[in-house]
Amino acid sequence: MNTTHPKTLGVLLAGGLARRMGGGDKPLRTVGGRTILDRAVAALRPQCEGLILNANGDPERFASTGLPVVPDDVPGFAGPLAGVLAALDWCAANRPDIEWVVSVAADSPFLPPDLVARLHEARERAGVPIAQAETNGRNHPVNALWRVDLRGDLRHALVEEELRKVGAWTARHGAVDVHWDSDPVDPFFNANTPEDIAEADALARKLDI
């Protein structure tokens, strides 16, 4: 595990409805002979103090990961911020020694090995409590670093204000974008459709990754 930055809990966000995939769990689809979730876990585990999985429904479908499965507790499907809140709350209750949570999309098969270190470096320089990944001029707010003590304000925003847009909430606290190159592959490639799965599988085999 990388020890050059503060202890960080990792959460793989798998709570989406997968409408564009025709239902089912996108992270359990296969890319290059491995599930996308296995790829994401392998990339994130060495960077974190521990990992959890945010998912709704029957947790047994993720039993093979051996990870704690933490569901949303905000009523209705409140989007990725609800998953982030679930992770912040879990961290506060179960790992009070950890002040930071990094979230990633569990359907991202090419996550970078320097994600956590670079997000910490950027937020320290900027003096903000949130850092998020960016490629090709587009930020990826689901792949981000969050300070655990933001959870009270986040719960208020989700429950009392019914706020759903990630950018609208992060703008209140300050977030810094951290750039990654997208050549030869975008490390935050998101497998949302069957076509995306096919493209990711071709990339994985071509690049042997």
N, C-alpha and C. Protein backbone atom coordinates (compact mmCIF):
# COMPACT_ATOMS: atom_id res chain seq x y z
N MET A 1 0.83 -1.21 0.00
CA MET A 1 0.00 0.00 0.00
C MET A 1 0.86 1.25 0.00
N ASN A 2 0.46 2.26 -0.76
CA ASN A 2 1.18 3.53 -0.79
C ASN A 2 1.05 4.23 0.55
N THR A 3 2.17 4.63 1.14
CA THR A 3 2.13 5.29 2.45
C THR A 3 2.57 6.74 2.38
N THR A 4 2.67 7.30 1.18
CA THR A 4 3.12 8.68 1.04
C THR A 4 1.99 9.68 1.18
N HIS A 5 0.78 9.21 1.32
CA HIS A 5 -0.38 10.09 1.48
C HIS A 5 -1.20 9.62 2.67
N PRO A 6 -2.14 10.43 3.17
CA PRO A 6 -2.96 10.01 4.31
C PRO A 6 -3.74 8.73 4.03
N LYS A 7 -4.00 7.99 5.10
CA LYS A 7 -4.78 6.76 4.95
C LYS A 7 -6.11 7.08 4.27
N THR A 8 -6.47 6.24 3.32
CA THR A 8 -7.64 6.49 2.49
C THR A 8 -8.43 5.21 2.31
N LEU A 9 -9.74 5.29 2.50
CA LEU A 9 -10.63 4.17 2.23
C LEU A 9 -11.12 4.26 0.79
N GLY A 10 -11.12 3.15 0.09
CA GLY A 10 -11.62 3.14 -1.28
C GLY A 10 -13.03 2.58 -1.35
N VAL A 11 -13.88 3.21 -2.15
CA VAL A 11 -15.23 2.68 -2.39
C VAL A 11 -15.45 2.54 -3.89
N LEU A 12 -15.91 1.37 -4.27
CA LEU A 12 -16.27 1.10 -5.66
C LEU A 12 -17.77 1.29 -5.79
N LEU A 13 -18.16 2.27 -6.59
CA LEU A 13 -19.58 2.62 -6.72
C LEU A 13 -20.22 1.74 -7.79
N ALA A 14 -21.09 0.84 -7.34
CA ALA A 14 -21.75 -0.10 -8.26
C ALA A 14 -23.26 -0.02 -8.11
N GLY A 15 -23.74 1.11 -7.64
CA GLY A 15 -25.17 1.22 -7.33
C GLY A 15 -26.05 1.67 -8.47
N GLY A 16 -25.49 1.85 -9.69
CA GLY A 16 -26.27 2.36 -10.81
C GLY A 16 -27.32 1.39 -11.29
N LEU A 17 -28.25 1.90 -12.08
CA LEU A 17 -29.36 1.09 -12.57
C LEU A 17 -29.04 0.37 -13.87
N ALA A 18 -27.94 0.73 -14.53
CA ALA A 18 -27.48 0.05 -15.75
C ALA A 18 -28.54 0.05 -16.84
N ARG A 19 -29.29 1.14 -16.97
CA ARG A 19 -30.34 1.20 -17.99
C ARG A 19 -29.79 1.02 -19.39
N ARG A 20 -28.62 1.66 -19.65
CA ARG A 20 -28.07 1.59 -21.01
C ARG A 20 -27.48 0.22 -21.32
N MET A 21 -27.31 -0.60 -20.30
CA MET A 21 -26.79 -1.95 -20.48
C MET A 21 -27.94 -2.95 -20.54
N GLY A 22 -29.16 -2.46 -20.41
CA GLY A 22 -30.32 -3.34 -20.41
C GLY A 22 -30.53 -4.02 -19.07
N GLY A 23 -30.08 -3.38 -18.00
CA GLY A 23 -30.21 -3.96 -16.66
C GLY A 23 -29.00 -4.83 -16.33
N GLY A 24 -28.97 -5.36 -15.12
CA GLY A 24 -27.84 -6.18 -14.69
C GLY A 24 -26.71 -5.32 -14.15
N ASP A 25 -25.68 -5.97 -13.72
CA ASP A 25 -24.56 -5.28 -13.08
C ASP A 25 -23.42 -5.09 -14.08
N LYS A 26 -23.18 -3.87 -14.48
CA LYS A 26 -22.10 -3.58 -15.43
C LYS A 26 -20.75 -4.07 -14.92
N PRO A 27 -20.43 -3.87 -13.62
CA PRO A 27 -19.10 -4.29 -13.17
C PRO A 27 -18.83 -5.78 -13.28
N LEU A 28 -19.88 -6.59 -13.43
CA LEU A 28 -19.68 -8.04 -13.53
C LEU A 28 -19.51 -8.51 -14.97
N ARG A 29 -19.57 -7.58 -15.92
CA ARG A 29 -19.29 -7.92 -17.31
C ARG A 29 -17.78 -8.13 -17.46
N THR A 30 -17.41 -8.88 -18.49
CA THR A 30 -16.01 -9.28 -18.67
C THR A 30 -15.30 -8.44 -19.72
N VAL A 31 -14.10 -8.02 -19.39
CA VAL A 31 -13.22 -7.30 -20.32
C VAL A 31 -11.85 -7.96 -20.28
N GLY A 32 -11.37 -8.41 -21.42
CA GLY A 32 -10.06 -9.05 -21.47
C GLY A 32 -9.94 -10.26 -20.56
N GLY A 33 -11.02 -11.00 -20.42
CA GLY A 33 -10.99 -12.23 -19.64
C GLY A 33 -11.17 -12.07 -18.14
N ARG A 34 -11.39 -10.84 -17.67
CA ARG A 34 -11.61 -10.59 -16.23
C ARG A 34 -12.82 -9.68 -16.09
N THR A 35 -13.54 -9.80 -14.99
CA THR A 35 -14.65 -8.88 -14.79
C THR A 35 -14.11 -7.47 -14.58
N ILE A 36 -14.92 -6.50 -14.96
CA ILE A 36 -14.51 -5.11 -14.77
C ILE A 36 -14.30 -4.84 -13.29
N LEU A 37 -15.14 -5.42 -12.44
CA LEU A 37 -15.00 -5.22 -11.00
C LEU A 37 -13.68 -5.78 -10.50
N ASP A 38 -13.30 -6.95 -10.95
CA ASP A 38 -12.01 -7.52 -10.54
C ASP A 38 -10.86 -6.59 -10.94
N ARG A 39 -10.97 -6.02 -12.13
CA ARG A 39 -9.94 -5.10 -12.60
C ARG A 39 -9.88 -3.85 -11.70
N ALA A 40 -11.05 -3.31 -11.38
CA ALA A 40 -11.09 -2.11 -10.55
C ALA A 40 -10.55 -2.38 -9.15
N VAL A 41 -10.92 -3.51 -8.57
CA VAL A 41 -10.41 -3.87 -7.24
C VAL A 41 -8.89 -4.02 -7.27
N ALA A 42 -8.37 -4.69 -8.29
CA ALA A 42 -6.93 -4.91 -8.38
C ALA A 42 -6.17 -3.58 -8.51
N ALA A 43 -6.75 -2.62 -9.22
CA ALA A 43 -6.10 -1.33 -9.39
C ALA A 43 -6.14 -0.50 -8.11
N LEU A 44 -7.25 -0.56 -7.40
CA LEU A 44 -7.45 0.32 -6.25
C LEU A 44 -6.88 -0.23 -4.95
N ARG A 45 -6.90 -1.54 -4.78
CA ARG A 45 -6.51 -2.13 -3.49
C ARG A 45 -5.13 -1.69 -3.01
N PRO A 46 -4.08 -1.68 -3.87
CA PRO A 46 -2.76 -1.30 -3.38
C PRO A 46 -2.66 0.17 -2.97
N GLN A 47 -3.64 0.98 -3.37
CA GLN A 47 -3.58 2.41 -3.10
C GLN A 47 -4.32 2.81 -1.83
N CYS A 48 -5.04 1.87 -1.22
CA CYS A 48 -5.97 2.22 -0.13
C CYS A 48 -5.71 1.40 1.13
N GLU A 49 -6.20 1.93 2.23
CA GLU A 49 -6.12 1.26 3.52
C GLU A 49 -7.12 0.11 3.59
N GLY A 50 -8.19 0.20 2.82
CA GLY A 50 -9.21 -0.82 2.77
C GLY A 50 -10.19 -0.48 1.66
N LEU A 51 -11.04 -1.45 1.28
CA LEU A 51 -12.01 -1.24 0.22
C LEU A 51 -13.40 -1.66 0.68
N ILE A 52 -14.41 -0.94 0.19
CA ILE A 52 -15.79 -1.35 0.34
C ILE A 52 -16.48 -1.20 -1.01
N LEU A 53 -17.65 -1.81 -1.14
CA LEU A 53 -18.42 -1.75 -2.38
C LEU A 53 -19.77 -1.13 -2.07
N ASN A 54 -20.13 -0.10 -2.80
CA ASN A 54 -21.46 0.49 -2.66
C ASN A 54 -22.37 -0.11 -3.72
N ALA A 55 -23.41 -0.82 -3.27
CA ALA A 55 -24.36 -1.43 -4.20
C ALA A 55 -25.69 -1.62 -3.50
N ASN A 56 -26.75 -1.57 -4.28
CA ASN A 56 -28.10 -1.78 -3.76
C ASN A 56 -28.62 -3.13 -4.22
N GLY A 57 -29.63 -3.64 -3.55
CA GLY A 57 -30.15 -4.96 -3.89
C GLY A 57 -29.41 -6.06 -3.15
N ASP A 58 -29.50 -7.27 -3.67
CA ASP A 58 -28.93 -8.44 -3.01
C ASP A 58 -27.40 -8.36 -2.99
N PRO A 59 -26.79 -8.25 -1.81
CA PRO A 59 -25.33 -8.15 -1.76
C PRO A 59 -24.61 -9.43 -2.14
N GLU A 60 -25.32 -10.55 -2.14
CA GLU A 60 -24.68 -11.84 -2.41
C GLU A 60 -24.09 -11.92 -3.82
N ARG A 61 -24.61 -11.11 -4.73
CA ARG A 61 -24.08 -11.18 -6.09
C ARG A 61 -22.64 -10.66 -6.18
N PHE A 62 -22.20 -10.00 -5.11
CA PHE A 62 -20.82 -9.52 -5.06
C PHE A 62 -20.00 -10.27 -4.02
N ALA A 63 -20.50 -11.39 -3.56
CA ALA A 63 -19.84 -12.11 -2.46
C ALA A 63 -18.43 -12.55 -2.82
N SER A 64 -18.19 -12.80 -4.10
CA SER A 64 -16.87 -13.30 -4.50
C SER A 64 -15.76 -12.28 -4.26
N THR A 65 -16.11 -11.00 -4.12
CA THR A 65 -15.08 -9.99 -3.87
C THR A 65 -14.57 -10.02 -2.45
N GLY A 66 -15.38 -10.53 -1.52
CA GLY A 66 -15.01 -10.53 -0.11
C GLY A 66 -15.08 -9.15 0.53
N LEU A 67 -15.65 -8.17 -0.18
CA LEU A 67 -15.70 -6.80 0.33
C LEU A 67 -17.00 -6.54 1.07
N PRO A 68 -16.98 -5.67 2.08
CA PRO A 68 -18.24 -5.21 2.68
C PRO A 68 -19.08 -4.51 1.61
N VAL A 69 -20.36 -4.86 1.54
CA VAL A 69 -21.27 -4.23 0.58
C VAL A 69 -22.16 -3.26 1.34
N VAL A 70 -22.08 -1.99 0.98
CA VAL A 70 -22.77 -0.92 1.71
C VAL A 70 -23.81 -0.30 0.78
N PRO A 71 -25.10 -0.41 1.11
CA PRO A 71 -26.14 0.17 0.26
C PRO A 71 -26.36 1.65 0.55
N ASP A 72 -27.03 2.33 -0.37
CA ASP A 72 -27.48 3.70 -0.12
C ASP A 72 -28.51 3.68 1.00
N ASP A 73 -28.58 4.76 1.77
CA ASP A 73 -29.68 4.86 2.74
C ASP A 73 -30.50 6.13 2.52
N VAL A 74 -30.29 6.80 1.40
CA VAL A 74 -31.11 7.94 1.02
C VAL A 74 -32.31 7.41 0.23
N PRO A 75 -33.53 7.83 0.56
CA PRO A 75 -34.71 7.31 -0.13
C PRO A 75 -34.66 7.54 -1.64
N GLY A 76 -35.14 6.52 -2.40
CA GLY A 76 -35.15 6.64 -3.84
C GLY A 76 -33.77 6.45 -4.41
N PHE A 77 -33.67 6.51 -5.73
CA PHE A 77 -32.35 6.39 -6.36
C PHE A 77 -31.78 7.78 -6.51
N ALA A 78 -30.87 8.14 -5.61
CA ALA A 78 -30.38 9.51 -5.53
C ALA A 78 -29.08 9.72 -6.30
N GLY A 79 -28.63 8.70 -7.05
CA GLY A 79 -27.45 8.87 -7.87
C GLY A 79 -26.15 8.65 -7.12
N PRO A 80 -25.02 8.99 -7.76
CA PRO A 80 -23.71 8.67 -7.19
C PRO A 80 -23.41 9.35 -5.87
N LEU A 81 -23.99 10.54 -5.63
CA LEU A 81 -23.73 11.20 -4.35
C LEU A 81 -24.25 10.38 -3.17
N ALA A 82 -25.32 9.63 -3.39
CA ALA A 82 -25.82 8.76 -2.32
C ALA A 82 -24.81 7.66 -2.00
N GLY A 83 -24.14 7.15 -3.02
CA GLY A 83 -23.11 6.15 -2.80
C GLY A 83 -21.91 6.73 -2.07
N VAL A 84 -21.54 7.95 -2.44
CA VAL A 84 -20.45 8.62 -1.74
C VAL A 84 -20.81 8.82 -0.27
N LEU A 85 -22.03 9.28 -0.01
CA LEU A 85 -22.47 9.47 1.37
C LEU A 85 -22.44 8.17 2.15
N ALA A 86 -22.91 7.09 1.55
CA ALA A 86 -22.89 5.79 2.23
C ALA A 86 -21.47 5.41 2.62
N ALA A 87 -20.52 5.70 1.74
CA ALA A 87 -19.12 5.38 2.03
C ALA A 87 -18.55 6.26 3.13
N LEU A 88 -18.87 7.55 3.10
CA LEU A 88 -18.38 8.45 4.13
C LEU A 88 -18.93 8.05 5.50
N ASP A 89 -20.22 7.71 5.54
CA ASP A 89 -20.83 7.29 6.80
C ASP A 89 -20.22 5.98 7.30
N TRP A 90 -20.01 5.03 6.38
CA TRP A 90 -19.42 3.75 6.77
C TRP A 90 -18.03 3.97 7.32
N CYS A 91 -17.26 4.82 6.67
CA CYS A 91 -15.90 5.09 7.11
C CYS A 91 -15.90 5.70 8.51
N ALA A 92 -16.78 6.68 8.74
CA ALA A 92 -16.84 7.33 10.05
C ALA A 92 -17.20 6.34 11.15
N ALA A 93 -18.09 5.40 10.84
CA ALA A 93 -18.55 4.44 11.84
C ALA A 93 -17.57 3.30 12.07
N ASN A 94 -16.90 2.86 11.00
CA ASN A 94 -16.09 1.65 11.07
C ASN A 94 -14.58 1.88 11.04
N ARG A 95 -14.16 3.00 10.47
CA ARG A 95 -12.74 3.33 10.41
C ARG A 95 -12.54 4.79 10.78
N PRO A 96 -12.79 5.14 12.04
CA PRO A 96 -12.66 6.54 12.46
C PRO A 96 -11.23 7.07 12.37
N ASP A 97 -10.28 6.18 12.15
CA ASP A 97 -8.89 6.60 11.98
C ASP A 97 -8.60 7.12 10.58
N ILE A 98 -9.57 6.99 9.67
CA ILE A 98 -9.38 7.42 8.28
C ILE A 98 -10.22 8.67 8.01
N GLU A 99 -9.59 9.69 7.45
CA GLU A 99 -10.26 10.96 7.19
C GLU A 99 -10.60 11.18 5.73
N TRP A 100 -10.21 10.24 4.86
CA TRP A 100 -10.41 10.44 3.43
C TRP A 100 -10.99 9.19 2.78
N VAL A 101 -11.87 9.41 1.82
CA VAL A 101 -12.45 8.33 1.01
C VAL A 101 -12.23 8.66 -0.45
N VAL A 102 -11.76 7.68 -1.22
CA VAL A 102 -11.68 7.83 -2.67
C VAL A 102 -12.76 6.95 -3.29
N SER A 103 -13.51 7.53 -4.21
CA SER A 103 -14.56 6.78 -4.89
C SER A 103 -14.16 6.56 -6.34
N VAL A 104 -14.54 5.40 -6.88
CA VAL A 104 -14.33 5.11 -8.29
C VAL A 104 -15.57 4.44 -8.84
N ALA A 105 -15.77 4.61 -10.14
CA ALA A 105 -16.85 3.89 -10.80
C ALA A 105 -16.43 2.43 -10.94
N ALA A 106 -17.26 1.53 -10.44
CA ALA A 106 -16.91 0.11 -10.47
C ALA A 106 -16.99 -0.47 -11.87
N ASP A 107 -17.48 0.32 -12.84
CA ASP A 107 -17.52 -0.16 -14.23
C ASP A 107 -16.42 0.49 -15.07
N SER A 108 -15.32 0.89 -14.41
CA SER A 108 -14.16 1.45 -15.10
C SER A 108 -13.04 0.41 -15.12
N PRO A 109 -12.73 -0.17 -16.27
CA PRO A 109 -11.77 -1.28 -16.31
C PRO A 109 -10.30 -0.89 -16.35
N PHE A 110 -9.99 0.42 -16.50
CA PHE A 110 -8.60 0.81 -16.72
C PHE A 110 -8.11 1.85 -15.71
N LEU A 111 -8.54 1.75 -14.47
CA LEU A 111 -8.18 2.75 -13.46
C LEU A 111 -6.66 2.85 -13.27
N PRO A 112 -6.15 4.07 -13.05
CA PRO A 112 -4.69 4.26 -12.96
C PRO A 112 -4.13 3.87 -11.59
N PRO A 113 -2.86 3.45 -11.56
CA PRO A 113 -2.24 3.04 -10.30
C PRO A 113 -1.83 4.20 -9.41
N ASP A 114 -1.89 5.43 -9.95
CA ASP A 114 -1.49 6.60 -9.16
C ASP A 114 -2.66 7.50 -8.79
N LEU A 115 -3.87 6.95 -8.84
CA LEU A 115 -5.07 7.75 -8.62
C LEU A 115 -5.07 8.45 -7.27
N VAL A 116 -4.92 7.69 -6.19
CA VAL A 116 -5.06 8.24 -4.85
C VAL A 116 -3.93 9.23 -4.55
N ALA A 117 -2.72 8.87 -4.90
CA ALA A 117 -1.58 9.75 -4.61
C ALA A 117 -1.73 11.09 -5.32
N ARG A 118 -2.12 11.07 -6.58
CA ARG A 118 -2.22 12.32 -7.34
C ARG A 118 -3.40 13.17 -6.88
N LEU A 119 -4.50 12.53 -6.52
CA LEU A 119 -5.64 13.30 -6.00
C LEU A 119 -5.26 13.99 -4.69
N HIS A 120 -4.55 13.28 -3.81
CA HIS A 120 -4.11 13.89 -2.56
C HIS A 120 -3.15 15.06 -2.82
N GLU A 121 -2.20 14.87 -3.71
CA GLU A 121 -1.25 15.93 -4.01
C GLU A 121 -1.98 17.19 -4.49
N ALA A 122 -2.95 17.00 -5.36
CA ALA A 122 -3.67 18.14 -5.94
C ALA A 122 -4.53 18.87 -4.91
N ARG A 123 -5.22 18.11 -4.07
CA ARG A 123 -6.09 18.79 -3.10
C ARG A 123 -5.25 19.49 -2.03
N GLU A 124 -4.07 18.95 -1.71
CA GLU A 124 -3.20 19.63 -0.77
C GLU A 124 -2.71 20.96 -1.34
N ARG A 125 -2.30 20.94 -2.60
CA ARG A 125 -1.83 22.17 -3.24
C ARG A 125 -2.95 23.21 -3.34
N ALA A 126 -4.14 22.75 -3.67
CA ALA A 126 -5.26 23.67 -3.88
C ALA A 126 -5.93 24.10 -2.58
N GLY A 127 -5.70 23.36 -1.49
CA GLY A 127 -6.34 23.68 -0.22
C GLY A 127 -7.83 23.46 -0.21
N VAL A 128 -8.29 22.40 -0.92
CA VAL A 128 -9.72 22.08 -0.99
C VAL A 128 -9.95 20.66 -0.49
N PRO A 129 -11.20 20.31 -0.11
CA PRO A 129 -11.47 19.00 0.45
C PRO A 129 -11.89 17.94 -0.56
N ILE A 130 -11.92 18.31 -1.85
CA ILE A 130 -12.36 17.38 -2.89
C ILE A 130 -11.42 17.50 -4.09
N ALA A 131 -11.03 16.37 -4.65
CA ALA A 131 -10.24 16.35 -5.89
C ALA A 131 -10.86 15.31 -6.81
N GLN A 132 -10.98 15.65 -8.09
CA GLN A 132 -11.63 14.74 -9.03
C GLN A 132 -10.80 14.59 -10.30
N ALA A 133 -10.92 13.41 -10.91
CA ALA A 133 -10.15 13.11 -12.10
C ALA A 133 -10.69 13.85 -13.32
N GLU A 134 -9.79 14.07 -14.29
CA GLU A 134 -10.17 14.74 -15.55
C GLU A 134 -9.35 14.18 -16.70
N THR A 135 -9.99 13.94 -17.83
CA THR A 135 -9.31 13.58 -19.06
C THR A 135 -9.99 14.31 -20.21
N ASN A 136 -9.20 14.73 -21.18
CA ASN A 136 -9.75 15.36 -22.39
C ASN A 136 -10.66 16.54 -22.09
N GLY A 137 -10.34 17.30 -21.04
CA GLY A 137 -11.14 18.46 -20.70
C GLY A 137 -12.47 18.14 -20.05
N ARG A 138 -12.68 16.88 -19.67
CA ARG A 138 -13.94 16.45 -19.04
C ARG A 138 -13.63 15.85 -17.68
N ASN A 139 -14.28 16.39 -16.64
CA ASN A 139 -14.01 15.83 -15.32
C ASN A 139 -14.88 14.61 -15.06
N HIS A 140 -14.42 13.80 -14.14
CA HIS A 140 -15.09 12.54 -13.80
C HIS A 140 -15.37 12.56 -12.29
N PRO A 141 -16.45 13.24 -11.87
CA PRO A 141 -16.67 13.48 -10.45
C PRO A 141 -16.95 12.23 -9.62
N VAL A 142 -17.24 11.11 -10.27
CA VAL A 142 -17.41 9.87 -9.53
C VAL A 142 -16.06 9.31 -9.10
N ASN A 143 -15.02 9.62 -9.86
CA ASN A 143 -13.66 9.18 -9.54
C ASN A 143 -12.97 10.32 -8.80
N ALA A 144 -13.12 10.33 -7.48
CA ALA A 144 -12.76 11.52 -6.72
C ALA A 144 -12.36 11.18 -5.28
N LEU A 145 -11.74 12.16 -4.66
CA LEU A 145 -11.31 12.07 -3.26
C LEU A 145 -12.17 13.01 -2.43
N TRP A 146 -12.65 12.51 -1.28
CA TRP A 146 -13.59 13.26 -0.44
C TRP A 146 -13.13 13.23 1.01
N ARG A 147 -13.23 14.34 1.71
CA ARG A 147 -12.95 14.37 3.13
C ARG A 147 -14.18 13.86 3.89
N VAL A 148 -13.97 12.97 4.83
CA VAL A 148 -15.08 12.30 5.51
C VAL A 148 -16.00 13.29 6.23
N ASP A 149 -15.43 14.37 6.77
CA ASP A 149 -16.28 15.28 7.54
C ASP A 149 -17.22 16.13 6.69
N LEU A 150 -17.24 15.90 5.38
CA LEU A 150 -18.23 16.55 4.52
C LEU A 150 -19.59 15.85 4.58
N ARG A 151 -19.65 14.72 5.27
CA ARG A 151 -20.84 13.87 5.18
C ARG A 151 -22.10 14.53 5.73
N GLY A 152 -21.98 15.37 6.75
CA GLY A 152 -23.17 16.03 7.30
C GLY A 152 -23.80 16.97 6.29
N ASP A 153 -23.00 17.76 5.64
CA ASP A 153 -23.53 18.68 4.64
C ASP A 153 -24.05 17.92 3.43
N LEU A 154 -23.39 16.84 3.05
CA LEU A 154 -23.85 16.05 1.91
C LEU A 154 -25.21 15.42 2.21
N ARG A 155 -25.40 14.91 3.41
CA ARG A 155 -26.70 14.33 3.76
C ARG A 155 -27.80 15.40 3.71
N HIS A 156 -27.50 16.57 4.22
CA HIS A 156 -28.49 17.66 4.18
C HIS A 156 -28.85 17.99 2.73
N ALA A 157 -27.84 18.06 1.87
CA ALA A 157 -28.08 18.40 0.47
C ALA A 157 -28.95 17.34 -0.21
N LEU A 158 -28.68 16.07 0.07
CA LEU A 158 -29.42 14.99 -0.57
C LEU A 158 -30.83 14.83 -0.02
N VAL A 159 -30.97 14.91 1.30
CA VAL A 159 -32.26 14.61 1.93
C VAL A 159 -33.15 15.83 2.02
N GLU A 160 -32.59 16.95 2.46
CA GLU A 160 -33.41 18.15 2.65
C GLU A 160 -33.59 18.96 1.37
N GLU A 161 -32.54 19.05 0.57
CA GLU A 161 -32.60 19.85 -0.66
C GLU A 161 -32.90 19.01 -1.90
N GLU A 162 -32.81 17.70 -1.77
CA GLU A 162 -32.99 16.78 -2.90
C GLU A 162 -32.05 17.12 -4.05
N LEU A 163 -30.84 17.51 -3.70
CA LEU A 163 -29.82 17.83 -4.68
C LEU A 163 -29.26 16.53 -5.25
N ARG A 164 -29.13 16.46 -6.56
CA ARG A 164 -28.64 15.24 -7.20
C ARG A 164 -27.40 15.47 -8.05
N LYS A 165 -27.13 16.68 -8.48
CA LYS A 165 -26.01 16.95 -9.36
C LYS A 165 -24.72 17.06 -8.56
N VAL A 166 -23.75 16.22 -8.92
CA VAL A 166 -22.50 16.18 -8.17
C VAL A 166 -21.81 17.55 -8.21
N GLY A 167 -21.73 18.14 -9.39
CA GLY A 167 -21.03 19.40 -9.54
C GLY A 167 -21.63 20.54 -8.74
N ALA A 168 -22.95 20.52 -8.60
CA ALA A 168 -23.61 21.58 -7.84
C ALA A 168 -23.22 21.53 -6.37
N TRP A 169 -23.02 20.31 -5.86
CA TRP A 169 -22.65 20.20 -4.44
C TRP A 169 -21.16 20.43 -4.23
N THR A 170 -20.32 19.86 -5.10
CA THR A 170 -18.87 20.03 -4.90
C THR A 170 -18.46 21.49 -5.04
N ALA A 171 -19.19 22.27 -5.85
CA ALA A 171 -18.86 23.69 -6.03
C ALA A 171 -18.99 24.46 -4.71
N ARG A 172 -19.80 23.99 -3.79
CA ARG A 172 -19.97 24.66 -2.50
C ARG A 172 -18.72 24.57 -1.64
N HIS A 173 -17.97 23.50 -1.83
CA HIS A 173 -16.83 23.23 -0.95
C HIS A 173 -15.49 23.47 -1.63
N GLY A 174 -15.49 23.41 -2.93
CA GLY A 174 -14.24 23.56 -3.68
C GLY A 174 -13.70 22.21 -4.09
N ALA A 175 -13.50 22.04 -5.39
CA ALA A 175 -12.95 20.79 -5.92
C ALA A 175 -11.91 21.13 -6.97
N VAL A 176 -10.84 20.38 -6.99
CA VAL A 176 -9.79 20.59 -7.98
C VAL A 176 -9.80 19.43 -8.97
N ASP A 177 -9.67 19.75 -10.26
CA ASP A 177 -9.58 18.73 -11.30
C ASP A 177 -8.12 18.29 -11.44
N VAL A 178 -7.92 17.00 -11.63
CA VAL A 178 -6.58 16.43 -11.77
C VAL A 178 -6.51 15.71 -13.12
N HIS A 179 -5.60 16.14 -13.97
CA HIS A 179 -5.57 15.64 -15.34
C HIS A 179 -4.78 14.35 -15.48
N TRP A 180 -5.34 13.42 -16.24
CA TRP A 180 -4.64 12.21 -16.69
C TRP A 180 -4.66 12.18 -18.21
N ASP A 181 -3.59 11.67 -18.81
CA ASP A 181 -3.55 11.48 -20.26
C ASP A 181 -4.48 10.34 -20.66
N SER A 182 -5.01 10.44 -21.86
CA SER A 182 -5.94 9.40 -22.33
C SER A 182 -5.33 8.55 -23.44
N ASP A 183 -4.02 8.65 -23.62
CA ASP A 183 -3.33 7.85 -24.63
C ASP A 183 -2.40 6.86 -23.92
N PRO A 184 -2.48 5.58 -24.18
CA PRO A 184 -3.24 4.92 -25.25
C PRO A 184 -4.69 4.58 -24.87
N VAL A 185 -5.05 4.76 -23.60
CA VAL A 185 -6.43 4.46 -23.18
C VAL A 185 -6.82 5.44 -22.07
N ASP A 186 -8.08 5.85 -22.10
CA ASP A 186 -8.57 6.73 -21.04
C ASP A 186 -8.69 5.91 -19.75
N PRO A 187 -7.97 6.29 -18.68
CA PRO A 187 -8.03 5.49 -17.45
C PRO A 187 -9.39 5.53 -16.78
N PHE A 188 -10.25 6.45 -17.22
CA PHE A 188 -11.59 6.54 -16.63
C PHE A 188 -12.67 6.17 -17.64
N PHE A 189 -12.27 5.36 -18.62
CA PHE A 189 -13.21 4.79 -19.58
C PHE A 189 -14.35 4.14 -18.80
N ASN A 190 -15.57 4.47 -19.19
CA ASN A 190 -16.75 3.99 -18.46
C ASN A 190 -17.56 3.07 -19.37
N ALA A 191 -17.75 1.85 -18.94
CA ALA A 191 -18.46 0.86 -19.75
C ALA A 191 -19.96 0.92 -19.48
N ASN A 192 -20.65 1.77 -20.23
CA ASN A 192 -22.07 2.00 -20.00
C ASN A 192 -22.99 1.21 -20.91
N THR A 193 -22.50 0.79 -22.06
CA THR A 193 -23.34 0.12 -23.06
C THR A 193 -22.64 -1.15 -23.54
N PRO A 194 -23.38 -2.04 -24.20
CA PRO A 194 -22.72 -3.22 -24.79
C PRO A 194 -21.62 -2.85 -25.76
N GLU A 195 -21.80 -1.73 -26.47
CA GLU A 195 -20.76 -1.27 -27.39
C GLU A 195 -19.49 -0.86 -26.63
N ASP A 196 -19.69 -0.21 -25.49
CA ASP A 196 -18.54 0.16 -24.65
C ASP A 196 -17.79 -1.08 -24.17
N ILE A 197 -18.53 -2.10 -23.79
CA ILE A 197 -17.90 -3.35 -23.34
C ILE A 197 -17.04 -3.94 -24.45
N ALA A 198 -17.59 -3.96 -25.65
CA ALA A 198 -16.85 -4.51 -26.78
C ALA A 198 -15.59 -3.68 -27.06
N GLU A 199 -15.71 -2.36 -26.98
CA GLU A 199 -14.55 -1.49 -27.21
C GLU A 199 -13.49 -1.72 -26.13
N ALA A 200 -13.91 -1.79 -24.87
CA ALA A 200 -12.97 -2.02 -23.77
C ALA A 200 -12.28 -3.36 -23.92
N ASP A 201 -13.04 -4.38 -24.32
CA ASP A 201 -12.46 -5.72 -24.49
C ASP A 201 -11.40 -5.70 -25.59
N ALA A 202 -11.69 -5.00 -26.69
CA ALA A 202 -10.72 -4.90 -27.78
C ALA A 202 -9.47 -4.15 -27.33
N LEU A 203 -9.64 -3.07 -26.57
CA LEU A 203 -8.50 -2.30 -26.07
C LEU A 203 -7.64 -3.16 -25.13
N ALA A 204 -8.30 -3.87 -24.22
CA ALA A 204 -7.57 -4.69 -23.26
C ALA A 204 -6.73 -5.74 -23.95
N ARG A 205 -7.28 -6.34 -24.98
CA ARG A 205 -6.55 -7.39 -25.70
C ARG A 205 -5.45 -6.81 -26.58
N LYS A 206 -5.73 -5.67 -27.20
CA LYS A 206 -4.72 -5.04 -28.05
C LYS A 206 -3.52 -4.56 -27.24
N LEU A 207 -3.81 -3.96 -26.08
CA LEU A 207 -2.74 -3.37 -25.25
C LEU A 207 -2.20 -4.35 -24.22
N ASP A 208 -2.83 -5.53 -24.14
CA ASP A 208 -2.44 -6.56 -23.18
C ASP A 208 -2.48 -6.02 -21.76
N ILE A 209 -3.62 -5.43 -21.41
CA ILE A 209 -3.79 -4.87 -20.07
C ILE A 209 -5.04 -5.46 -19.42
